[in-house]
Amino acid sequence: MIRRLTPLAFVLALFAFALPFATVSCDDAQVEASGADLVLRTPPETEGRAPEGIELGELIVASGGGLATAAFLAFALGLLASARMWQSGWAPLAGAVGVAALVFLKTRGGPEDIAEVDTQIGAFLATGAGAAAALAAAAVWLRGDRPPLRPLAPVIAAGLLLFGYLFPSERSPLVVVAYADTLNLRRPWDGVFWLLPIVVGILLLARRHGVSHNLAGFAVGVLAVAGADVADEIWGLVRENDVQPGIGPPLFLAGIVTAGAWAITNEWRALRRPALLPLAAGAGVTLAAWLASPAG
């Protein structure tokens, strides 16, 4: 019974994105944004007159679009995993990531500092249905023949990467920024650089009982370039006076270091070094993604 209800809960969570997610008010202006508006980066129409220099529709889409998209994609993956009855806990993991993205969306700050934000039925329904789906999928997974969690290093690395991606990376008086904000379905190339370490971390998690020589080399190449950029960003944030560093970059860097160190150690145990050609390919792809991103 629970196995059948899990996909339905994920469907309900996805349906909730068609409903209003939040109402933002500032002086005489008001905007009501649905989950679809946030995911598709479509600024809703502003009712009333907003203060000069503030576009409420664009502000809420820019602030919440990335996390809403992360939640939507996570729930879609959870639906696919539960409907296809994938093993290894992918459905509960996807559900947990989707719920975490919505919780962070509500608690991160940003527009709330300059406007009044009222959460609407869509956000509550998506969070509740996603949480129910994650718990139901976890119950199915725990009752089944689940694989052992060990080795723990790739499990920890994937968790650090995902939470570092969702948590704020920096705070200023008016803006709160997270790596997930670069996730944009209309401009997918903008967020590829930050998604590559996530993809590598999940691949290492999925293949942790048998990482291939080529995957290890590609992973090390991706993680080395991404880690260098995150470390440089952390150093730059520390030197800034008007920007408060968030917890995202340290978590993200910790996940990169953990995943990369485990991949290299795993290769050494097999008395081999990471494959040089895949390593160069991983570094090259990540550098190309960095150049294509707005920050590049």
C-alpha atoms as a PDB file:
ATOM      1  CA  MET A   1       0.000   0.000   0.000  1.00  0.00           C
ATOM      2  CA  ILE A   2       2.747   2.453   0.959  1.00  0.00           C
ATOM      3  CA  ARG A   3       4.639   1.543  -2.201  1.00  0.00           C
ATOM      4  CA  ARG A   4       1.644   2.630  -4.284  1.00  0.00           C
ATOM      5  CA  LEU A   5       1.005   5.814  -2.310  1.00  0.00           C
ATOM      6  CA  THR A   6       4.559   7.113  -2.677  1.00  0.00           C
ATOM      7  CA  PRO A   7       4.282   8.042  -6.401  1.00  0.00           C
ATOM      8  CA  LEU A   8       0.890   9.661  -5.735  1.00  0.00           C
ATOM      9  CA  ALA A   9       2.423  11.837  -3.015  1.00  0.00           C
ATOM     10  CA  PHE A  10       5.167  12.931  -5.397  1.00  0.00           C
ATOM     11  CA  VAL A  11       2.531  13.710  -8.071  1.00  0.00           C
ATOM     12  CA  LEU A  12       0.655  15.858  -5.533  1.00  0.00           C
ATOM     13  CA  ALA A  13       3.888  17.682  -4.633  1.00  0.00           C
ATOM     14  CA  LEU A  14       4.517  18.412  -8.316  1.00  0.00           C
ATOM     15  CA  PHE A  15       0.910  19.506  -8.877  1.00  0.00           C
ATOM     16  CA  ALA A  16       1.281  22.019  -6.038  1.00  0.00           C
ATOM     17  CA  PHE A  17       3.701  24.035  -8.194  1.00  0.00           C
ATOM     18  CA  ALA A  18       0.719  25.114 -10.313  1.00  0.00           C
ATOM     19  CA  LEU A  19      -0.777  26.802  -7.244  1.00  0.00           C
ATOM     20  CA  PRO A  20       0.193  30.116  -5.604  1.00  0.00           C
ATOM     21  CA  PHE A  21       3.436  29.775  -3.643  1.00  0.00           C
ATOM     22  CA  ALA A  22       3.807  33.227  -2.102  1.00  0.00           C
ATOM     23  CA  THR A  23       2.324  36.718  -1.989  1.00  0.00           C
ATOM     24  CA  VAL A  24       4.859  39.537  -1.732  1.00  0.00           C
ATOM     25  CA  SER A  25       3.788  43.021  -0.668  1.00  0.00           C
ATOM     26  CA  CYS A  26       5.811  46.233  -0.544  1.00  0.00           C
ATOM     27  CA  ASP A  27       4.017  49.507   0.193  1.00  0.00           C
ATOM     28  CA  ASP A  28       1.074  49.632  -2.250  1.00  0.00           C
ATOM     29  CA  ALA A  29       2.417  46.928  -4.572  1.00  0.00           C
ATOM     30  CA  GLN A  30       1.616  43.223  -4.402  1.00  0.00           C
ATOM     31  CA  VAL A  31       2.713  40.162  -6.359  1.00  0.00           C
ATOM     32  CA  GLU A  32       1.362  36.613  -6.217  1.00  0.00           C
ATOM     33  CA  ALA A  33       3.785  34.032  -7.592  1.00  0.00           C
ATOM     34  CA  SER A  34       3.011  30.390  -8.280  1.00  0.00           C
ATOM     35  CA  GLY A  35       5.552  27.613  -8.116  1.00  0.00           C
ATOM     36  CA  ALA A  36       5.494  27.470 -11.913  1.00  0.00           C
ATOM     37  CA  ASP A  37       6.386  31.166 -12.087  1.00  0.00           C
ATOM     38  CA  LEU A  38       9.448  30.489  -9.953  1.00  0.00           C
ATOM     39  CA  VAL A  39      10.523  27.359 -11.841  1.00  0.00           C
ATOM     40  CA  LEU A  40      10.027  28.936 -15.279  1.00  0.00           C
ATOM     41  CA  ARG A  41      11.509  32.276 -14.139  1.00  0.00           C
ATOM     42  CA  THR A  42       8.393  34.124 -15.280  1.00  0.00           C
ATOM     43  CA  PRO A  43       7.958  37.361 -13.269  1.00  0.00           C
ATOM     44  CA  PRO A  44       4.297  37.666 -12.212  1.00  0.00           C
ATOM     45  CA  GLU A  45       2.426  40.896 -12.820  1.00  0.00           C
ATOM     46  CA  THR A  46       2.662  43.501 -10.078  1.00  0.00           C
ATOM     47  CA  GLU A  47      -0.578  44.937  -8.736  1.00  0.00           C
ATOM     48  CA  GLY A  48      -0.353  48.511  -7.519  1.00  0.00           C
ATOM     49  CA  ARG A  49       2.615  50.841  -7.534  1.00  0.00           C
ATOM     50  CA  ALA A  50       5.947  49.515  -6.297  1.00  0.00           C
ATOM     51  CA  PRO A  51       8.651  51.748  -4.784  1.00  0.00           C
ATOM     52  CA  GLU A  52      10.980  53.243  -7.364  1.00  0.00           C
ATOM     53  CA  GLY A  53      13.794  50.910  -8.361  1.00  0.00           C
ATOM     54  CA  ILE A  54      12.078  47.742  -7.082  1.00  0.00           C
ATOM     55  CA  GLU A  55      10.495  45.218  -9.448  1.00  0.00           C
ATOM     56  CA  LEU A  56       8.717  42.827  -7.086  1.00  0.00           C
ATOM     57  CA  GLY A  57       8.004  40.178  -9.706  1.00  0.00           C
ATOM     58  CA  GLU A  58      11.610  40.011 -10.860  1.00  0.00           C
ATOM     59  CA  LEU A  59      12.857  40.126  -7.265  1.00  0.00           C
ATOM     60  CA  ILE A  60      10.877  37.122  -6.069  1.00  0.00           C
ATOM     61  CA  VAL A  61      11.665  35.095  -9.202  1.00  0.00           C
ATOM     62  CA  ALA A  62      15.375  35.852  -8.905  1.00  0.00           C
ATOM     63  CA  SER A  63      15.373  35.075  -5.191  1.00  0.00           C
ATOM     64  CA  GLY A  64      13.319  31.885  -5.240  1.00  0.00           C
ATOM     65  CA  GLY A  65      13.605  30.504  -8.762  1.00  0.00           C
ATOM     66  CA  GLY A  66      16.678  28.357  -8.223  1.00  0.00           C
ATOM     67  CA  LEU A  67      15.540  26.660  -5.010  1.00  0.00           C
ATOM     68  CA  ALA A  68      12.030  26.133  -6.400  1.00  0.00           C
ATOM     69  CA  THR A  69      13.543  24.526  -9.499  1.00  0.00           C
ATOM     70  CA  ALA A  70      15.754  22.309  -7.333  1.00  0.00           C
ATOM     71  CA  ALA A  71      12.687  21.178  -5.367  1.00  0.00           C
ATOM     72  CA  PHE A  72      10.673  20.538  -8.539  1.00  0.00           C
ATOM     73  CA  LEU A  73      13.440  18.483 -10.162  1.00  0.00           C
ATOM     74  CA  ALA A  74      14.023  16.543  -6.933  1.00  0.00           C
ATOM     75  CA  PHE A  75      10.326  15.635  -6.670  1.00  0.00           C
ATOM     76  CA  ALA A  76      10.282  14.645 -10.358  1.00  0.00           C
ATOM     77  CA  LEU A  77      13.270  12.355  -9.740  1.00  0.00           C
ATOM     78  CA  GLY A  78      11.525  10.964  -6.668  1.00  0.00           C
ATOM     79  CA  LEU A  79       8.422  10.219  -8.742  1.00  0.00           C
ATOM     80  CA  LEU A  80      10.501   8.436 -11.378  1.00  0.00           C
ATOM     81  CA  ALA A  81      12.431   6.450  -8.752  1.00  0.00           C
ATOM     82  CA  SER A  82       9.307   5.389  -6.860  1.00  0.00           C
ATOM     83  CA  ALA A  83       7.294   4.579  -9.997  1.00  0.00           C
ATOM     84  CA  ARG A  84      10.142   2.494 -11.432  1.00  0.00           C
ATOM     85  CA  MET A  85      10.851   1.024  -7.973  1.00  0.00           C
ATOM     86  CA  TRP A  86      14.533   1.916  -8.049  1.00  0.00           C
ATOM     87  CA  GLN A  87      16.561   0.533  -5.193  1.00  0.00           C
ATOM     88  CA  SER A  88      19.330   2.206  -3.133  1.00  0.00           C
ATOM     89  CA  GLY A  89      17.114   4.855  -1.554  1.00  0.00           C
ATOM     90  CA  TRP A  90      16.931   7.291  -4.471  1.00  0.00           C
ATOM     91  CA  ALA A  91      13.260   8.136  -3.853  1.00  0.00           C
ATOM     92  CA  PRO A  92      13.660   9.101  -0.164  1.00  0.00           C
ATOM     93  CA  LEU A  93      16.846  11.025  -0.971  1.00  0.00           C
ATOM     94  CA  ALA A  94      15.110  12.964  -3.747  1.00  0.00           C
ATOM     95  CA  GLY A  95      12.144  13.701  -1.501  1.00  0.00           C
ATOM     96  CA  ALA A  96      14.386  14.909   1.321  1.00  0.00           C
ATOM     97  CA  VAL A  97      16.324  17.206  -1.031  1.00  0.00           C
ATOM     98  CA  GLY A  98      13.093  18.657  -2.432  1.00  0.00           C
ATOM     99  CA  VAL A  99      11.686  19.375   1.024  1.00  0.00           C
ATOM    100  CA  ALA A 100      15.010  20.861   2.174  1.00  0.00           C
ATOM    101  CA  ALA A 101      15.037  23.182  -0.857  1.00  0.00           C
ATOM    102  CA  LEU A 102      11.546  24.454   0.001  1.00  0.00           C
ATOM    103  CA  VAL A 103      12.420  24.900   3.674  1.00  0.00           C
ATOM    104  CA  PHE A 104      15.562  26.850   2.761  1.00  0.00           C
ATOM    105  CA  LEU A 105      13.475  28.910   0.318  1.00  0.00           C
ATOM    106  CA  LYS A 106      11.244  29.998   3.188  1.00  0.00           C
ATOM    107  CA  THR A 107      13.964  30.569   5.797  1.00  0.00           C
ATOM    108  CA  ARG A 108      16.771  32.078   3.719  1.00  0.00           C
ATOM    109  CA  GLY A 109      15.680  35.709   3.989  1.00  0.00           C
ATOM    110  CA  GLY A 110      16.148  38.144   1.111  1.00  0.00           C
ATOM    111  CA  PRO A 111      12.819  39.629  -0.044  1.00  0.00           C
ATOM    112  CA  GLU A 112      11.504  39.290   3.514  1.00  0.00           C
ATOM    113  CA  ASP A 113      14.006  41.983   4.556  1.00  0.00           C
ATOM    114  CA  ILE A 114      12.467  44.657   2.299  1.00  0.00           C
ATOM    115  CA  ALA A 115       8.936  43.320   1.712  1.00  0.00           C
ATOM    116  CA  GLU A 116       6.254  41.256   3.408  1.00  0.00           C
ATOM    117  CA  VAL A 117       6.129  37.653   2.185  1.00  0.00           C
ATOM    118  CA  ASP A 118       3.101  35.451   2.913  1.00  0.00           C
ATOM    119  CA  THR A 119       3.466  31.758   2.114  1.00  0.00           C
ATOM    120  CA  GLN A 120       0.513  30.381   0.144  1.00  0.00           C
ATOM    121  CA  ILE A 121      -1.191  27.006  -0.247  1.00  0.00           C
ATOM    122  CA  GLY A 122       1.083  25.759  -3.036  1.00  0.00           C
ATOM    123  CA  ALA A 123       4.234  25.945  -0.937  1.00  0.00           C
ATOM    124  CA  PHE A 124       2.563  24.270   2.050  1.00  0.00           C
ATOM    125  CA  LEU A 125       1.094  21.516  -0.128  1.00  0.00           C
ATOM    126  CA  ALA A 126       4.371  20.887  -1.977  1.00  0.00           C
ATOM    127  CA  THR A 127       6.330  20.693   1.285  1.00  0.00           C
ATOM    128  CA  GLY A 128       3.769  18.466   3.032  1.00  0.00           C
ATOM    129  CA  ALA A 129       3.278  16.106   0.105  1.00  0.00           C
ATOM    130  CA  GLY A 130       7.022  15.955  -0.530  1.00  0.00           C
ATOM    131  CA  ALA A 131       7.705  15.131   3.119  1.00  0.00           C
ATOM    132  CA  ALA A 132       5.005  12.434   3.085  1.00  0.00           C
ATOM    133  CA  ALA A 133       6.476  10.974  -0.109  1.00  0.00           C
ATOM    134  CA  ALA A 134       9.995  10.983   1.354  1.00  0.00           C
ATOM    135  CA  LEU A 135       8.847   9.259   4.563  1.00  0.00           C
ATOM    136  CA  ALA A 136       6.805   6.675   2.664  1.00  0.00           C
ATOM    137  CA  ALA A 137       9.689   5.973   0.293  1.00  0.00           C
ATOM    138  CA  ALA A 138      12.051   5.671   3.266  1.00  0.00           C
ATOM    139  CA  ALA A 139       9.698   3.153   4.912  1.00  0.00           C
ATOM    140  CA  VAL A 140       9.629   1.067   1.721  1.00  0.00           C
ATOM    141  CA  TRP A 141      13.418   1.277   1.443  1.00  0.00           C
ATOM    142  CA  LEU A 142      14.014   0.295   5.083  1.00  0.00           C
ATOM    143  CA  ARG A 143      11.738  -2.718   4.776  1.00  0.00           C
ATOM    144  CA  GLY A 144      13.431  -3.891   1.590  1.00  0.00           C
ATOM    145  CA  ASP A 145      16.853  -5.344   0.870  1.00  0.00           C
ATOM    146  CA  ARG A 146      18.705  -2.069   1.147  1.00  0.00           C
ATOM    147  CA  PRO A 147      22.435  -2.082   0.330  1.00  0.00           C
ATOM    148  CA  PRO A 148      24.909  -1.274   3.105  1.00  0.00           C
ATOM    149  CA  LEU A 149      25.769   2.398   3.528  1.00  0.00           C
ATOM    150  CA  ARG A 150      29.481   1.705   3.694  1.00  0.00           C
ATOM    151  CA  PRO A 151      31.737   3.034   2.412  1.00  0.00           C
ATOM    152  CA  LEU A 152      30.504   6.137   4.204  1.00  0.00           C
ATOM    153  CA  ALA A 153      32.786   8.698   2.524  1.00  0.00           C
ATOM    154  CA  PRO A 154      30.747   9.067  -0.722  1.00  0.00           C
ATOM    155  CA  VAL A 155      27.506   9.150   1.318  1.00  0.00           C
ATOM    156  CA  ILE A 156      28.843  11.993   3.475  1.00  0.00           C
ATOM    157  CA  ALA A 157      30.310  13.775   0.448  1.00  0.00           C
ATOM    158  CA  ALA A 158      26.990  13.699  -1.444  1.00  0.00           C
ATOM    159  CA  GLY A 159      25.156  15.058   1.608  1.00  0.00           C
ATOM    160  CA  LEU A 160      27.650  17.897   2.062  1.00  0.00           C
ATOM    161  CA  LEU A 161      27.501  18.780  -1.627  1.00  0.00           C
ATOM    162  CA  LEU A 162      23.699  18.851  -1.722  1.00  0.00           C
ATOM    163  CA  PHE A 163      23.318  20.941   1.414  1.00  0.00           C
ATOM    164  CA  GLY A 164      26.174  23.255   0.402  1.00  0.00           C
ATOM    165  CA  TYR A 165      24.377  23.746  -2.921  1.00  0.00           C
ATOM    166  CA  LEU A 166      21.092  24.682  -1.241  1.00  0.00           C
ATOM    167  CA  PHE A 167      22.328  26.686   1.767  1.00  0.00           C
ATOM    168  CA  PRO A 168      23.131  30.407   1.333  1.00  0.00           C
ATOM    169  CA  SER A 169      26.648  31.092   0.081  1.00  0.00           C
ATOM    170  CA  GLU A 170      26.698  34.781   0.981  1.00  0.00           C
ATOM    171  CA  ARG A 171      24.526  37.433   2.596  1.00  0.00           C
ATOM    172  CA  SER A 172      24.397  41.156   2.000  1.00  0.00           C
ATOM    173  CA  PRO A 173      21.951  43.718   3.425  1.00  0.00           C
ATOM    174  CA  LEU A 174      19.449  43.099   0.582  1.00  0.00           C
ATOM    175  CA  VAL A 175      20.390  39.831  -1.122  1.00  0.00           C
ATOM    176  CA  VAL A 176      20.917  36.256   0.030  1.00  0.00           C
ATOM    177  CA  VAL A 177      22.682  34.102  -2.584  1.00  0.00           C
ATOM    178  CA  ALA A 178      22.979  30.326  -2.906  1.00  0.00           C
ATOM    179  CA  TYR A 179      24.624  28.158  -5.548  1.00  0.00           C
ATOM    180  CA  ALA A 180      21.166  26.773  -6.337  1.00  0.00           C
ATOM    181  CA  ASP A 181      20.129  30.238  -7.564  1.00  0.00           C
ATOM    182  CA  THR A 182      22.068  29.532 -10.776  1.00  0.00           C
ATOM    183  CA  LEU A 183      19.647  26.691 -11.593  1.00  0.00           C
ATOM    184  CA  ASN A 184      17.616  28.103 -14.471  1.00  0.00           C
ATOM    185  CA  LEU A 185      15.631  26.010 -16.947  1.00  0.00           C
ATOM    186  CA  ARG A 186      15.595  28.914 -19.417  1.00  0.00           C
ATOM    187  CA  ARG A 187      19.380  29.346 -19.239  1.00  0.00           C
ATOM    188  CA  PRO A 188      20.656  25.915 -18.157  1.00  0.00           C
ATOM    189  CA  TRP A 189      24.263  26.698 -19.079  1.00  0.00           C
ATOM    190  CA  ASP A 190      24.387  29.323 -16.324  1.00  0.00           C
ATOM    191  CA  GLY A 191      24.212  26.659 -13.624  1.00  0.00           C
ATOM    192  CA  VAL A 192      26.213  23.813 -15.178  1.00  0.00           C
ATOM    193  CA  PHE A 193      29.422  24.712 -13.350  1.00  0.00           C
ATOM    194  CA  TRP A 194      27.855  24.280  -9.901  1.00  0.00           C
ATOM    195  CA  LEU A 195      25.858  21.217 -10.960  1.00  0.00           C
ATOM    196  CA  LEU A 196      28.904  19.269 -12.154  1.00  0.00           C
ATOM    197  CA  PRO A 197      30.248  18.573  -8.620  1.00  0.00           C
ATOM    198  CA  ILE A 198      26.712  17.521  -7.601  1.00  0.00           C
ATOM    199  CA  VAL A 199      26.474  15.099 -10.529  1.00  0.00           C
ATOM    200  CA  VAL A 200      29.929  13.696  -9.789  1.00  0.00           C
ATOM    201  CA  GLY A 201      29.097  13.292  -6.101  1.00  0.00           C
ATOM    202  CA  ILE A 202      25.882  11.407  -6.924  1.00  0.00           C
ATOM    203  CA  LEU A 203      27.686   9.203  -9.459  1.00  0.00           C
ATOM    204  CA  LEU A 204      30.334   8.318  -6.893  1.00  0.00           C
ATOM    205  CA  LEU A 205      27.543   7.559  -4.417  1.00  0.00           C
ATOM    206  CA  ALA A 206      25.708   5.344  -6.906  1.00  0.00           C
ATOM    207  CA  ARG A 207      28.895   3.496  -7.921  1.00  0.00           C
ATOM    208  CA  ARG A 208      30.583   3.464  -4.522  1.00  0.00           C
ATOM    209  CA  HIS A 209      30.860  -0.336  -4.509  1.00  0.00           C
ATOM    210  CA  GLY A 210      32.644  -0.382  -7.850  1.00  0.00           C
ATOM    211  CA  VAL A 211      34.030   2.937  -9.121  1.00  0.00           C
ATOM    212  CA  SER A 212      35.541   2.551 -12.567  1.00  0.00           C
ATOM    213  CA  HIS A 213      39.001   3.817 -13.456  1.00  0.00           C
ATOM    214  CA  ASN A 214      37.572   6.358 -15.907  1.00  0.00           C
ATOM    215  CA  LEU A 215      34.890   7.654 -13.529  1.00  0.00           C
ATOM    216  CA  ALA A 216      37.488   8.212 -10.815  1.00  0.00           C
ATOM    217  CA  GLY A 217      39.688  10.217 -13.180  1.00  0.00           C
ATOM    218  CA  PHE A 218      36.805  12.321 -14.509  1.00  0.00           C
ATOM    219  CA  ALA A 219      35.543  12.966 -10.970  1.00  0.00           C
ATOM    220  CA  VAL A 220      38.937  14.140  -9.738  1.00  0.00           C
ATOM    221  CA  GLY A 221      39.244  16.520 -12.700  1.00  0.00           C
ATOM    222  CA  VAL A 222      35.818  18.067 -12.065  1.00  0.00           C
ATOM    223  CA  LEU A 223      36.284  18.310  -8.314  1.00  0.00           C
ATOM    224  CA  ALA A 224      39.775  19.836  -8.557  1.00  0.00           C
ATOM    225  CA  VAL A 225      38.601  22.759 -10.705  1.00  0.00           C
ATOM    226  CA  ALA A 226      35.379  23.311  -8.746  1.00  0.00           C
ATOM    227  CA  GLY A 227      37.210  23.064  -5.427  1.00  0.00           C
ATOM    228  CA  ALA A 228      39.776  25.665  -6.468  1.00  0.00           C
ATOM    229  CA  ASP A 229      37.001  28.092  -7.426  1.00  0.00           C
ATOM    230  CA  VAL A 230      35.066  27.538  -4.173  1.00  0.00           C
ATOM    231  CA  ALA A 231      38.225  27.987  -2.098  1.00  0.00           C
ATOM    232  CA  ASP A 232      38.966  31.248  -3.923  1.00  0.00           C
ATOM    233  CA  GLU A 233      35.375  32.390  -3.342  1.00  0.00           C
ATOM    234  CA  ILE A 234      35.601  31.645   0.387  1.00  0.00           C
ATOM    235  CA  TRP A 235      38.827  33.656   0.616  1.00  0.00           C
ATOM    236  CA  GLY A 236      37.212  36.547  -1.246  1.00  0.00           C
ATOM    237  CA  LEU A 237      34.149  36.517   1.021  1.00  0.00           C
ATOM    238  CA  VAL A 238      36.331  36.547   4.127  1.00  0.00           C
ATOM    239  CA  ARG A 239      38.018  39.738   2.903  1.00  0.00           C
ATOM    240  CA  GLU A 240      34.722  41.493   2.110  1.00  0.00           C
ATOM    241  CA  ASN A 241      33.438  43.913   4.739  1.00  0.00           C
ATOM    242  CA  ASP A 242      29.842  44.322   3.574  1.00  0.00           C
ATOM    243  CA  VAL A 243      29.131  40.662   2.732  1.00  0.00           C
ATOM    244  CA  GLN A 244      28.567  37.966   5.332  1.00  0.00           C
ATOM    245  CA  PRO A 245      29.838  34.537   4.210  1.00  0.00           C
ATOM    246  CA  GLY A 246      27.176  31.845   4.311  1.00  0.00           C
ATOM    247  CA  ILE A 247      27.532  28.234   5.368  1.00  0.00           C
ATOM    248  CA  GLY A 248      27.119  26.998   1.792  1.00  0.00           C
ATOM    249  CA  PRO A 249      30.702  27.375   0.486  1.00  0.00           C
ATOM    250  CA  PRO A 250      32.402  25.593   3.439  1.00  0.00           C
ATOM    251  CA  LEU A 251      29.915  22.711   3.186  1.00  0.00           C
ATOM    252  CA  PHE A 252      30.327  22.558  -0.582  1.00  0.00           C
ATOM    253  CA  LEU A 253      34.130  22.595  -0.337  1.00  0.00           C
ATOM    254  CA  ALA A 254      34.047  19.923   2.382  1.00  0.00           C
ATOM    255  CA  GLY A 255      31.932  17.735   0.092  1.00  0.00           C
ATOM    256  CA  ILE A 256      34.312  18.297  -2.831  1.00  0.00           C
ATOM    257  CA  VAL A 257      37.374  17.442  -0.735  1.00  0.00           C
ATOM    258  CA  THR A 258      35.706  14.351   0.764  1.00  0.00           C
ATOM    259  CA  ALA A 259      34.561  13.034  -2.614  1.00  0.00           C
ATOM    260  CA  GLY A 260      37.884  13.751  -4.327  1.00  0.00           C
ATOM    261  CA  ALA A 261      39.976  12.269  -1.535  1.00  0.00           C
ATOM    262  CA  TRP A 262      37.835   9.131  -1.480  1.00  0.00           C
ATOM    263  CA  ALA A 263      38.067   8.701  -5.270  1.00  0.00           C
ATOM    264  CA  ILE A 264      41.876   9.029  -5.173  1.00  0.00           C
ATOM    265  CA  THR A 265      42.204   6.730  -2.145  1.00  0.00           C
ATOM    266  CA  ASN A 266      39.961   4.170  -3.825  1.00  0.00           C
ATOM    267  CA  GLU A 267      42.248   4.192  -6.853  1.00  0.00           C
ATOM    268  CA  TRP A 268      45.368   3.822  -4.726  1.00  0.00           C
ATOM    269  CA  ARG A 269      43.871   0.794  -3.017  1.00  0.00           C
ATOM    270  CA  ALA A 270      43.613  -0.769  -6.447  1.00  0.00           C
ATOM    271  CA  LEU A 271      47.265   0.151  -7.044  1.00  0.00           C
ATOM    272  CA  ARG A 272      46.476   2.581  -9.828  1.00  0.00           C
ATOM    273  CA  ARG A 273      46.272   6.317 -10.411  1.00  0.00           C
ATOM    274  CA  PRO A 274      43.172   8.127 -11.725  1.00  0.00           C
ATOM    275  CA  ALA A 275      43.016   7.835 -15.516  1.00  0.00           C
ATOM    276  CA  LEU A 276      44.808  10.831 -17.006  1.00  0.00           C
ATOM    277  CA  LEU A 277      42.628  11.303 -20.099  1.00  0.00           C
ATOM    278  CA  PRO A 278      39.298  11.293 -18.195  1.00  0.00           C
ATOM    279  CA  LEU A 279      40.940  13.519 -15.572  1.00  0.00           C
ATOM    280  CA  ALA A 280      41.852  16.067 -18.256  1.00  0.00           C
ATOM    281  CA  ALA A 281      38.358  15.728 -19.750  1.00  0.00           C
ATOM    282  CA  GLY A 282      36.745  16.412 -16.376  1.00  0.00           C
ATOM    283  CA  ALA A 283      38.931  19.473 -15.802  1.00  0.00           C
ATOM    284  CA  GLY A 284      38.296  20.723 -19.339  1.00  0.00           C
ATOM    285  CA  VAL A 285      34.511  20.316 -19.138  1.00  0.00           C
ATOM    286  CA  THR A 286      34.419  22.116 -15.782  1.00  0.00           C
ATOM    287  CA  LEU A 287      36.571  24.981 -17.057  1.00  0.00           C
ATOM    288  CA  ALA A 288      34.315  25.333 -20.097  1.00  0.00           C
ATOM    289  CA  ALA A 289      31.260  25.419 -17.811  1.00  0.00           C
ATOM    290  CA  TRP A 290      32.973  28.068 -15.669  1.00  0.00           C
ATOM    291  CA  LEU A 291      33.624  30.226 -18.733  1.00  0.00           C
ATOM    292  CA  ALA A 292      29.989  29.844 -19.837  1.00  0.00           C
ATOM    293  CA  SER A 293      28.601  30.818 -16.441  1.00  0.00           C
ATOM    294  CA  PRO A 294      27.840  34.477 -15.638  1.00  0.00           C
ATOM    295  CA  ALA A 295      30.520  34.475 -12.927  1.00  0.00           C
ATOM    296  CA  GLY A 296      33.100  33.250 -15.407  1.00  0.00           C
END
